Protein backbone atom coordinates (compact mmCIF):
# COMPACT_ATOMS: atom_id res chain seq x y z
CA MET A 1 -18.06 17.91 6.71
CA ASP A 2 -17.41 21.62 6.38
CA ARG A 3 -14.20 22.70 4.72
CA ARG A 4 -11.99 22.05 7.74
CA GLY A 5 -10.13 19.17 6.09
CA VAL A 6 -9.38 21.13 2.94
CA SER A 7 -8.53 24.25 4.93
CA MET A 8 -6.07 22.19 6.96
CA LEU A 9 -4.12 21.49 3.75
CA ASP A 10 -3.65 25.27 3.42
CA ASP A 11 -1.48 25.29 6.58
CA ASP A 12 1.99 26.87 6.47
CA ARG A 13 3.25 24.53 9.20
CA VAL A 14 4.09 21.69 6.85
CA GLY A 15 5.81 19.47 9.44
CA ARG A 16 2.88 19.65 11.80
CA LEU A 17 0.47 19.02 8.93
CA LEU A 18 2.41 15.92 7.84
CA LEU A 19 2.26 14.59 11.39
CA LYS A 20 -1.50 15.21 11.55
CA LEU A 21 -2.04 13.23 8.36
CA SER A 22 0.64 10.55 8.84
CA ALA A 23 -0.10 9.60 12.45
CA PRO A 24 -3.71 8.51 11.79
CA ALA A 25 -2.53 6.81 8.60
CA PHE A 26 0.08 4.90 10.63
CA PHE A 27 -2.37 3.69 13.25
CA GLY A 28 -4.94 2.90 10.58
CA MET A 29 -2.50 0.96 8.41
CA PHE A 30 -1.07 -0.73 11.48
CA VAL A 31 -4.41 -2.26 12.33
CA MET A 32 -5.21 -2.90 8.64
CA THR A 33 -2.01 -4.93 8.39
CA LEU A 34 -3.20 -6.93 11.36
CA TYR A 35 -5.79 -8.59 9.08
CA ASN A 36 -3.13 -10.85 7.58
CA VAL A 37 -0.89 -10.94 10.64
CA ILE A 38 -3.66 -12.00 13.01
CA ASP A 39 -4.68 -14.84 10.70
CA THR A 40 -1.05 -15.97 10.54
CA ILE A 41 -0.64 -15.89 14.33
CA PHE A 42 -3.78 -17.94 14.97
CA ILE A 43 -3.02 -20.38 12.17
CA GLY A 44 0.60 -20.75 13.31
CA HIS A 45 -0.45 -21.70 16.84
CA TYR A 46 -3.63 -23.70 16.13
CA VAL A 47 -3.03 -25.25 12.69
CA GLY A 48 0.77 -25.36 12.25
CA PRO A 49 3.53 -24.52 9.76
CA LEU A 50 1.64 -25.96 6.76
CA GLY A 51 -1.25 -23.64 7.52
CA ILE A 52 1.15 -20.68 7.43
CA ALA A 53 2.49 -22.00 4.12
CA GLY A 54 -1.09 -22.04 2.79
CA LEU A 55 -1.52 -18.38 3.74
CA SER A 56 1.79 -17.57 2.05
CA ILE A 57 0.59 -19.17 -1.19
CA VAL A 58 -2.70 -17.22 -1.15
CA PHE A 59 -1.05 -13.90 -0.25
CA PRO A 60 -0.21 -12.93 -3.88
CA PHE A 61 -3.91 -13.22 -4.75
CA GLN A 62 -4.76 -10.96 -1.83
CA MET A 63 -2.14 -8.53 -3.09
CA LEU A 64 -4.05 -8.34 -6.38
CA SER A 65 -7.12 -6.92 -4.64
CA MET A 66 -4.89 -4.61 -2.61
CA GLY A 67 -3.32 -3.45 -5.88
CA LEU A 68 -6.70 -2.55 -7.32
CA GLY A 69 -7.58 -0.65 -4.17
CA GLN A 70 -4.30 1.25 -4.29
CA MET A 71 -4.60 1.92 -8.02
CA PHE A 72 -7.96 3.66 -7.75
CA GLY A 73 -7.26 4.95 -4.23
CA MET A 74 -3.87 6.54 -4.84
CA GLY A 75 -4.65 7.46 -8.46
CA GLY A 76 -7.96 9.01 -7.49
CA ALA A 77 -6.45 10.71 -4.43
CA SER A 78 -3.71 12.33 -6.53
CA VAL A 79 -6.26 13.69 -8.99
CA ILE A 80 -8.64 14.80 -6.23
CA SER A 81 -5.97 16.61 -4.17
CA ARG A 82 -4.68 18.55 -7.16
CA LEU A 83 -8.20 19.45 -8.31
CA ILE A 84 -9.14 20.68 -4.83
CA GLY A 85 -5.90 22.67 -4.68
CA GLY A 86 -6.73 24.11 -8.10
CA GLY A 87 -10.28 25.07 -7.05
CA ASN A 88 -12.31 22.47 -9.00
CA PRO A 89 -14.30 20.35 -6.49
CA ALA A 90 -16.94 19.37 -9.08
CA ARG A 91 -14.40 17.49 -11.17
CA ALA A 92 -12.89 16.05 -7.98
CA GLU A 93 -16.31 14.54 -7.19
CA ARG A 94 -16.40 13.06 -10.69
CA ALA A 95 -13.04 11.40 -10.01
CA LEU A 96 -14.37 10.01 -6.71
CA GLY A 97 -17.45 8.47 -8.36
CA ASN A 98 -15.46 6.92 -11.19
CA ALA A 99 -12.99 5.37 -8.75
CA ILE A 100 -15.79 3.71 -6.77
CA THR A 101 -17.48 2.26 -9.88
CA SER A 102 -14.21 0.84 -11.17
CA ILE A 103 -13.48 -0.82 -7.82
CA VAL A 104 -16.80 -2.66 -7.76
CA ILE A 105 -16.56 -3.90 -11.36
CA LEU A 106 -12.97 -5.15 -11.19
CA SER A 107 -13.41 -6.75 -7.76
CA ALA A 108 -16.30 -8.80 -9.11
CA ILE A 109 -14.13 -9.95 -12.02
CA ILE A 110 -11.32 -11.08 -9.68
CA THR A 111 -13.79 -13.05 -7.54
CA ILE A 112 -15.35 -14.84 -10.51
CA VAL A 113 -12.03 -15.67 -12.18
CA GLY A 114 -10.43 -16.82 -8.92
CA LEU A 115 -13.30 -19.09 -7.88
CA SER A 116 -13.68 -20.60 -11.36
CA ASN A 117 -10.52 -22.72 -11.03
CA ALA A 118 -8.97 -22.24 -7.60
CA ASP A 119 -6.67 -25.29 -7.69
CA PHE A 120 -5.13 -24.20 -10.99
CA TRP A 121 -4.27 -20.75 -9.63
CA LEU A 122 -2.92 -22.16 -6.36
CA ARG A 123 -0.62 -24.64 -8.13
CA LEU A 124 0.51 -21.81 -10.39
CA MET A 125 1.39 -19.79 -7.29
CA GLY A 126 3.61 -22.60 -6.02
CA ALA A 127 1.37 -24.77 -3.82
CA SER A 128 2.72 -28.28 -3.27
CA GLU A 129 0.28 -31.17 -2.79
CA THR A 130 0.71 -30.96 0.99
CA ILE A 131 0.05 -27.21 1.09
CA LEU A 132 -2.81 -27.20 -1.47
CA PRO A 133 -5.71 -28.21 0.86
CA TYR A 134 -4.86 -25.42 3.33
CA ALA A 135 -4.47 -22.83 0.58
CA ARG A 136 -7.73 -23.88 -1.11
CA ASP A 137 -9.77 -23.63 2.10
CA TYR A 138 -8.43 -20.13 2.76
CA MET A 139 -8.62 -18.70 -0.76
CA THR A 140 -12.17 -19.76 -1.66
CA ILE A 141 -13.56 -17.77 1.27
CA ILE A 142 -11.17 -14.81 0.98
CA LEU A 143 -12.14 -14.28 -2.68
CA ILE A 144 -15.78 -13.72 -1.73
CA GLY A 145 -14.75 -10.66 0.27
CA THR A 146 -12.60 -9.12 -2.48
CA VAL A 147 -14.92 -6.18 -3.10
CA PHE A 148 -14.95 -5.25 0.60
CA ARG A 149 -11.17 -5.39 0.91
CA THR A 150 -10.62 -3.41 -2.29
CA TYR A 151 -13.19 -0.73 -1.46
CA ALA A 152 -11.82 -0.27 2.06
CA MET A 153 -8.25 0.00 0.76
CA ALA A 154 -9.20 2.61 -1.86
CA SER A 155 -11.38 4.61 0.51
CA ASN A 156 -8.44 5.13 2.87
CA ALA A 157 -6.65 7.19 0.24
CA LEU A 158 -9.77 8.81 -1.29
CA ILE A 159 -11.04 10.14 2.04
CA ARG A 160 -7.56 11.23 3.11
CA SER A 161 -7.15 13.18 -0.16
CA GLU A 162 -9.65 15.77 1.09
CA GLY A 163 -7.63 16.24 4.29
CA ASN A 164 -9.49 13.79 6.55
CA ALA A 165 -7.16 11.18 8.06
CA ARG A 166 -9.33 10.40 11.10
CA VAL A 167 -12.16 8.56 9.31
CA PRO A 168 -9.86 6.06 7.51
CA MET A 169 -8.10 5.37 10.80
CA ILE A 170 -11.36 4.66 12.64
CA GLY A 171 -12.64 2.41 9.86
CA MET A 172 -9.50 0.27 9.80
CA ILE A 173 -9.39 -0.01 13.59
CA MET A 174 -12.98 -1.23 13.61
CA GLY A 175 -12.15 -3.93 11.09
CA ALA A 176 -8.98 -5.11 12.82
CA VAL A 177 -10.63 -5.37 16.25
CA ALA A 178 -13.48 -7.36 14.72
CA ASN A 179 -10.94 -9.61 12.97
CA ILE A 180 -9.19 -10.43 16.25
CA ILE A 181 -12.45 -11.26 18.01
CA LEU A 182 -13.83 -13.36 15.15
CA ASP A 183 -10.53 -15.22 14.68
CA ALA A 184 -10.55 -16.17 18.35
CA ILE A 185 -14.15 -17.39 18.13
CA PHE A 186 -13.95 -19.29 14.84
CA ILE A 187 -10.53 -20.90 15.38
CA ILE A 188 -10.43 -21.74 19.09
CA PRO A 189 -13.90 -22.77 20.40
CA LEU A 190 -15.47 -23.52 17.00
CA ASP A 191 -12.29 -25.27 15.73
CA MET A 192 -12.82 -24.08 12.11
CA GLY A 193 -9.08 -23.87 11.42
CA ILE A 194 -7.94 -22.03 8.34
CA LYS A 195 -11.53 -21.65 7.08
CA GLY A 196 -12.34 -19.80 10.29
CA ALA A 197 -9.46 -17.39 9.73
CA ALA A 198 -10.69 -16.61 6.22
CA LEU A 199 -14.30 -16.16 7.34
CA ALA A 200 -13.23 -13.86 10.18
CA THR A 201 -11.27 -11.69 7.75
CA VAL A 202 -14.15 -11.35 5.28
CA LEU A 203 -16.74 -10.55 7.94
CA ALA A 204 -14.40 -8.05 9.61
CA GLN A 205 -13.88 -6.21 6.32
CA LEU A 206 -17.60 -5.53 6.11
CA LEU A 207 -17.32 -3.06 9.00
CA PRO A 208 -14.94 -0.49 7.44
CA THR A 209 -16.75 -0.86 4.12
CA ALA A 210 -20.07 0.04 5.72
CA TYR A 211 -18.46 2.83 7.76
CA PHE A 212 -16.86 4.46 4.70
CA ILE A 213 -20.10 4.24 2.71
CA ARG A 214 -21.97 5.85 5.60
CA TYR A 215 -19.35 8.63 5.74
CA TYR A 216 -19.93 9.57 2.12
CA PHE A 217 -23.68 9.89 2.69
CA SER A 218 -23.50 11.52 6.12
CA GLY A 219 -23.20 15.08 4.86
CA LYS A 220 -20.02 15.57 6.93
CA ASN A 221 -17.65 15.04 4.02
CA PHE A 222 -16.27 17.69 1.66
CA LEU A 223 -16.76 15.69 -1.55
CA LYS A 224 -20.16 14.18 -2.30
CA ILE A 225 -21.18 11.09 -4.24
CA HIS A 226 -23.67 11.85 -7.01
CA ALA A 227 -25.26 9.19 -9.21
CA GLN A 228 -24.13 10.86 -12.45
CA ASN A 229 -20.51 10.76 -11.27
CA LEU A 230 -20.65 6.96 -11.00
CA ILE A 231 -20.89 6.73 -14.79
CA LEU A 232 -17.41 6.08 -16.16
CA ASP A 233 -15.82 9.08 -17.83
CA PHE A 234 -12.90 8.34 -20.16
CA GLY A 235 -11.13 11.62 -19.43
CA ILE A 236 -11.30 11.15 -15.66
CA MET A 237 -10.36 7.47 -15.86
CA LYS A 238 -7.34 8.35 -17.98
CA ASP A 239 -6.16 10.79 -15.31
CA ILE A 240 -6.73 8.31 -12.47
CA LEU A 241 -5.08 5.38 -14.24
CA ALA A 242 -2.12 7.44 -15.45
CA ILE A 243 -1.08 7.84 -11.82
CA GLY A 244 -2.79 4.89 -10.12
CA VAL A 245 -1.39 2.28 -12.48
CA ALA A 246 1.96 2.76 -10.74
CA SER A 247 0.48 1.52 -7.45
CA PHE A 248 -1.17 -1.38 -9.25
CA ALA A 249 2.02 -2.24 -11.09
CA ARG A 250 3.97 -2.15 -7.83
CA THR A 251 1.55 -4.54 -6.18
CA ILE A 252 1.23 -6.86 -9.19
CA ALA A 253 5.00 -6.98 -9.58
CA GLY A 254 5.23 -7.68 -5.85
CA SER A 255 2.57 -10.39 -6.22
CA LEU A 256 4.43 -11.96 -9.14
CA SER A 257 7.71 -11.87 -7.25
CA ALA A 258 6.02 -13.49 -4.23
CA ILE A 259 4.72 -16.29 -6.47
CA LEU A 260 8.18 -16.84 -7.92
CA VAL A 261 9.79 -16.73 -4.47
CA ASN A 262 7.37 -19.43 -3.27
CA ARG A 263 8.11 -21.61 -6.28
CA VAL A 264 11.89 -21.21 -5.94
CA LEU A 265 11.70 -21.85 -2.19
CA VAL A 266 9.80 -25.10 -2.72
CA SER A 267 12.65 -26.23 -4.98
CA TYR A 268 15.55 -25.11 -2.78
CA GLY A 269 14.16 -25.15 0.75
CA GLY A 270 10.91 -27.13 0.83
CA ASP A 271 7.60 -26.39 2.55
CA PHE A 272 9.25 -25.01 5.70
CA ALA A 273 11.07 -22.37 3.67
CA VAL A 274 7.69 -21.29 2.26
CA SER A 275 6.34 -21.09 5.83
CA ALA A 276 9.34 -18.96 6.86
CA TYR A 277 8.74 -16.62 3.95
CA GLY A 278 5.07 -16.37 4.93
CA ILE A 279 6.09 -15.12 8.38
CA ILE A 280 8.72 -12.74 6.97
CA ASN A 281 6.12 -11.35 4.54
CA ARG A 282 3.86 -10.41 7.43
CA ILE A 283 6.74 -8.79 9.31
CA MET A 284 7.79 -7.00 6.12
CA MET A 285 4.36 -5.35 5.93
CA PHE A 286 5.03 -3.74 9.31
CA ALA A 287 8.66 -2.95 8.50
CA MET A 288 7.74 -1.03 5.34
CA MET A 289 4.89 0.79 7.05
CA PRO A 290 6.84 3.91 8.17
CA GLY A 291 7.81 4.71 4.58
CA MET A 292 4.34 3.95 3.29
CA VAL A 293 2.38 5.99 5.84
CA THR A 294 4.76 8.95 5.62
CA GLY A 295 4.25 8.92 1.87
CA GLN A 296 0.49 8.70 2.34
CA GLY A 297 0.58 11.64 4.74
CA LEU A 298 2.68 13.52 2.19
CA GLN A 299 0.31 12.80 -0.71
CA PRO A 300 -2.53 15.26 0.05
CA VAL A 301 -0.09 17.94 1.28
CA LEU A 302 2.15 17.68 -1.76
CA GLY A 303 -0.73 17.25 -4.22
CA PHE A 304 -2.60 20.28 -2.83
CA ASN A 305 0.44 22.58 -2.77
CA TYR A 306 1.72 21.41 -6.15
CA GLY A 307 -1.74 21.99 -7.65
CA ALA A 308 -1.80 25.44 -6.01
CA LYS A 309 1.74 26.16 -7.33
CA ARG A 310 3.14 26.58 -3.81
CA TYR A 311 6.45 24.94 -4.58
CA ASP A 312 8.22 26.13 -1.42
CA ARG A 313 5.76 24.22 0.77
CA ALA A 314 5.86 21.22 -1.55
CA LEU A 315 9.66 20.99 -1.31
CA ARG A 316 9.61 21.47 2.44
CA ALA A 317 7.07 18.67 2.81
CA MET A 318 9.19 16.31 0.70
CA LYS A 319 12.31 17.01 2.78
CA ILE A 320 10.55 16.39 6.10
CA ALA A 321 8.91 13.21 4.79
CA VAL A 322 12.23 11.74 3.62
CA ILE A 323 13.98 12.47 6.93
CA ALA A 324 11.12 11.08 9.02
CA SER A 325 10.59 7.91 6.99
CA THR A 326 14.30 7.11 6.83
CA GLY A 327 14.71 7.55 10.58
CA LEU A 328 11.76 5.27 11.33
CA CYS A 329 12.94 2.59 8.90
CA LEU A 330 16.38 2.69 10.51
CA ILE A 331 14.77 1.84 13.86
CA SER A 332 12.91 -1.06 12.22
CA PHE A 333 16.17 -2.30 10.70
CA ILE A 334 17.97 -2.33 14.07
CA ILE A 335 15.18 -4.35 15.68
CA LEU A 336 14.67 -6.87 12.87
CA TYR A 337 18.34 -7.44 12.15
CA PHE A 338 19.62 -7.84 15.69
CA ILE A 339 16.64 -9.39 17.54
CA PRO A 340 14.24 -11.04 15.06
CA GLU A 341 13.56 -14.19 17.13
CA PRO A 342 11.09 -12.70 19.68
CA ILE A 343 9.00 -11.25 16.85
CA ILE A 344 9.00 -14.51 14.88
CA ARG A 345 7.94 -16.46 17.97
CA ILE A 346 4.71 -14.46 17.97
CA PHE A 347 3.75 -16.45 14.85
CA THR A 348 5.02 -19.92 15.73
CA THR A 349 6.61 -21.96 18.53
CA ASP A 350 8.19 -24.48 16.14
CA SER A 351 11.93 -24.18 16.89
CA GLU A 352 13.04 -25.25 13.40
CA LEU A 353 10.77 -22.69 11.75
CA VAL A 354 11.87 -19.95 14.18
CA ALA A 355 15.54 -20.62 13.38
CA LEU A 356 14.94 -20.64 9.62
CA ALA A 357 12.81 -17.48 9.65
CA SER A 358 15.33 -15.64 11.87
CA HIS A 359 18.15 -16.55 9.50
CA ALA A 360 16.05 -15.30 6.56
CA ALA A 361 15.12 -12.05 8.35
CA ARG A 362 18.77 -11.09 8.93
CA ARG A 363 19.35 -11.29 5.18
CA ILE A 364 16.08 -9.95 3.78
CA PHE A 365 16.17 -6.82 5.98
CA LEU A 366 19.82 -5.92 5.38
CA ALA A 367 18.85 -2.73 3.51
CA LEU A 368 15.58 -1.96 5.27
CA TYR A 369 16.75 1.57 6.19
CA LEU A 370 16.52 2.51 2.48
CA ILE A 371 12.83 1.64 2.16
CA GLY A 372 11.56 4.92 3.66
CA PHE A 373 13.28 7.02 1.01
CA ILE A 374 12.19 4.64 -1.77
CA MET A 375 8.53 4.73 -0.73
CA VAL A 376 8.41 8.51 -0.26
CA GLY A 377 10.17 9.03 -3.59
CA SER A 378 7.71 6.82 -5.47
CA LEU A 379 4.66 8.40 -3.78
CA THR A 380 6.06 11.87 -4.53
CA PHE A 381 5.78 11.19 -8.25
CA GLN A 382 2.22 9.91 -7.80
CA SER A 383 1.25 12.95 -5.75
CA ILE A 384 2.35 15.48 -8.37
CA GLY A 385 1.10 13.57 -11.39
CA LYS A 386 4.40 12.36 -12.88
CA ALA A 387 3.10 9.14 -14.40
CA THR A 388 6.25 7.82 -16.05
CA GLN A 389 8.56 8.28 -13.07
CA SER A 390 5.86 6.94 -10.76
CA PHE A 391 5.46 3.80 -12.85
CA VAL A 392 9.22 3.17 -13.12
CA THR A 393 9.85 3.53 -9.38
CA ALA A 394 6.83 1.36 -8.61
CA ILE A 395 7.92 -1.64 -10.65
CA SER A 396 11.70 -1.34 -10.37
CA ARG A 397 12.18 -3.12 -7.02
CA PRO A 398 10.00 -6.20 -7.58
CA PHE A 399 10.16 -6.52 -11.35
CA LEU A 400 13.40 -5.05 -12.70
CA PHE A 401 15.64 -6.20 -9.86
CA LEU A 402 14.08 -8.76 -7.50
CA ILE A 403 12.65 -11.25 -9.99
CA PRO A 404 15.88 -11.66 -12.02
CA LEU A 405 17.93 -11.97 -8.82
CA ILE A 406 15.57 -14.63 -7.46
CA PHE A 407 16.43 -16.83 -10.42
CA ILE A 408 20.16 -16.05 -10.60
CA LEU A 409 21.42 -15.96 -6.99
CA PRO A 410 20.09 -19.38 -5.80
CA LEU A 411 22.18 -21.02 -8.53
CA TYR A 412 25.27 -19.96 -6.58
CA LEU A 413 24.05 -19.41 -3.01
CA ASP A 414 21.23 -21.97 -2.71
CA VAL A 415 18.29 -20.75 -0.57
CA ASP A 416 20.36 -17.86 0.80
CA GLY A 417 20.32 -16.45 -2.72
CA VAL A 418 16.55 -15.94 -2.39
CA TRP A 419 16.92 -14.05 0.88
CA LEU A 420 19.80 -11.86 -0.36
CA ALA A 421 17.91 -10.90 -3.51
CA PHE A 422 15.79 -8.55 -1.37
CA PRO A 423 18.47 -6.19 0.06
CA ILE A 424 20.31 -6.06 -3.27
CA SER A 425 17.05 -5.04 -4.96
CA ASP A 426 16.49 -2.37 -2.31
CA GLY A 427 19.93 -0.86 -2.92
CA LEU A 428 19.48 -0.76 -6.71
CA THR A 429 15.98 0.73 -6.37
CA CYS A 430 17.30 3.46 -4.06
CA ILE A 431 19.90 4.47 -6.65
CA LEU A 432 17.25 4.60 -9.38
CA THR A 433 14.92 6.70 -7.20
CA VAL A 434 17.68 9.25 -6.56
CA ILE A 435 18.39 9.48 -10.30
CA LEU A 436 14.72 10.19 -11.08
CA LEU A 437 13.97 12.43 -8.09
CA VAL A 438 16.85 14.89 -8.37
CA PRO A 439 15.68 16.42 -11.72
CA GLN A 440 12.16 16.80 -10.31
CA ILE A 441 13.46 18.65 -7.25
CA ARG A 442 15.49 20.95 -9.49
CA GLU A 443 12.42 21.63 -11.64
CA MET A 444 10.34 22.57 -8.60
CA ARG A 445 13.10 24.83 -7.30
CA ARG A 446 13.23 26.63 -10.65
CA ALA A 447 9.45 27.03 -10.60
CA ARG A 448 9.62 28.39 -7.04
CA LEU A 449 12.32 30.87 -8.04
CA SER A 450 10.32 32.01 -11.06
CA ALA A 451 7.26 32.53 -8.89
CA MET A 452 9.26 34.55 -6.35
CA GLN A 453 10.73 36.72 -9.11
CA ALA A 454 7.28 37.27 -10.58
CA MET A 455 5.93 38.30 -7.15
CA GLU A 456 8.81 40.72 -6.63
CA SER A 457 8.19 42.27 -10.05
CA GLY A 458 4.50 42.69 -9.20
CA SER A 459 3.14 40.44 -11.96
CA LEU A 460 1.77 37.98 -9.37
CA PRO A 461 -0.07 39.19 -6.25
CA ASN A 462 0.73 36.11 -4.16
CA GLN A 463 1.02 32.33 -4.28
CA GLN A 464 -2.55 31.59 -3.29
CA PRO A 465 -4.31 28.76 -5.11
CA THR A 466 -5.75 29.63 -8.47
CA HIS A 467 -9.49 29.18 -8.78
CA HIS A 468 -9.41 27.37 -12.04
CA SER A 469 -8.42 23.79 -12.54
CA PRO A 470 -4.84 23.06 -13.46
CA GLU A 471 -4.18 20.38 -16.01
CA VAL A 472 -4.55 17.17 -14.03
CA THR A 473 -2.37 14.93 -16.15
CA ASP A 474 1.24 16.06 -15.85
CA SER A 475 3.09 12.95 -16.90
CA GLN A 476 6.56 13.05 -18.30
């Protein structure tokens, strides 16, 4: 495209700009999340609770590909936004090319490793002998589409980093609509069961992949893909991974915690408890969406203004994002805590499973209203290149808090201990995020004050972006 997307990031109306970037991200992520939810709904109604349990077992493996997409998507987007803000589009294009190459290589590795011994991995993830056939049928097909899922996930952030939120939204909507149609065809008239759900998902993911590739070669985008930029560059990769590894670590820690939850649930609650957790996991993806999409809308705005040393706009954007995400998560909490049954019945009509999942939801979502602040705080560190803080906030909830609690609490509270481990982890993560975020806010305020004093003294003409590249890596 022309420079409209990048020029949009130079807008003084930060609140309006956040809405412009977050609203398409919300609708896009909403339909992207439908990939897993749609499969679960069809499987719940046409295969049964054990089919849902099979999806729950495979979900951590799907999270691995999502983690790769987020690592190179969010890491690359952070680097790209700051380079554009600093006036260095050539190096931003190098970051884009390196991110794409890395996605293709690592996706191929995941597919090969996963298919080489599927039963071993599924048993490791907690599959019982009754769940194993359902999980195997789903995973073997899903793994074939890993590269499409990973590329689409990364492209959402990479394209949005240049100020274009519309294209990612369209691509994800295309895929989700195709997924619904194909699920209906493969599962109902063709009676392909869980294999049909997996095949529908893989084929549907081809659409956004093709659409995003076409976008990059259409001439309408700000950043271009050049063959020489596809060659891995250690300096660029170091910058991308320094920030993106936090997203990967968050997802891997979440994947590991999901595996452990499944294994503990089999011991304390049986296969139905695993099915209930599978449903709650899908609902959780929607419940956490307000915090995630607000953070994603914040990322290009904050990265651009931080790279351009416009700290007043950066701080204003952070404040608006925290207020908006917290308010939206509070609404989600009210719905899921007080009336979870109608939502759970979308996935299954089994009365025992509905009762168990509703009971679990009222415990798991006890601290849901904190998630918006946690997500925005973590993505703030990614956006401005603070690698250490970004990594700590990314892994704290699933790894530092949730996993230990999953093992400890069930010893005293039985299966309820698993459910209550989630809100306790949310509360502890919120406290940690506040501790890490406050010094960063103070640092940006000092930098803003110094810039204002320099302008008043006449040593700086204004706060317009510099036309040389700032140092990309700014980890602490």
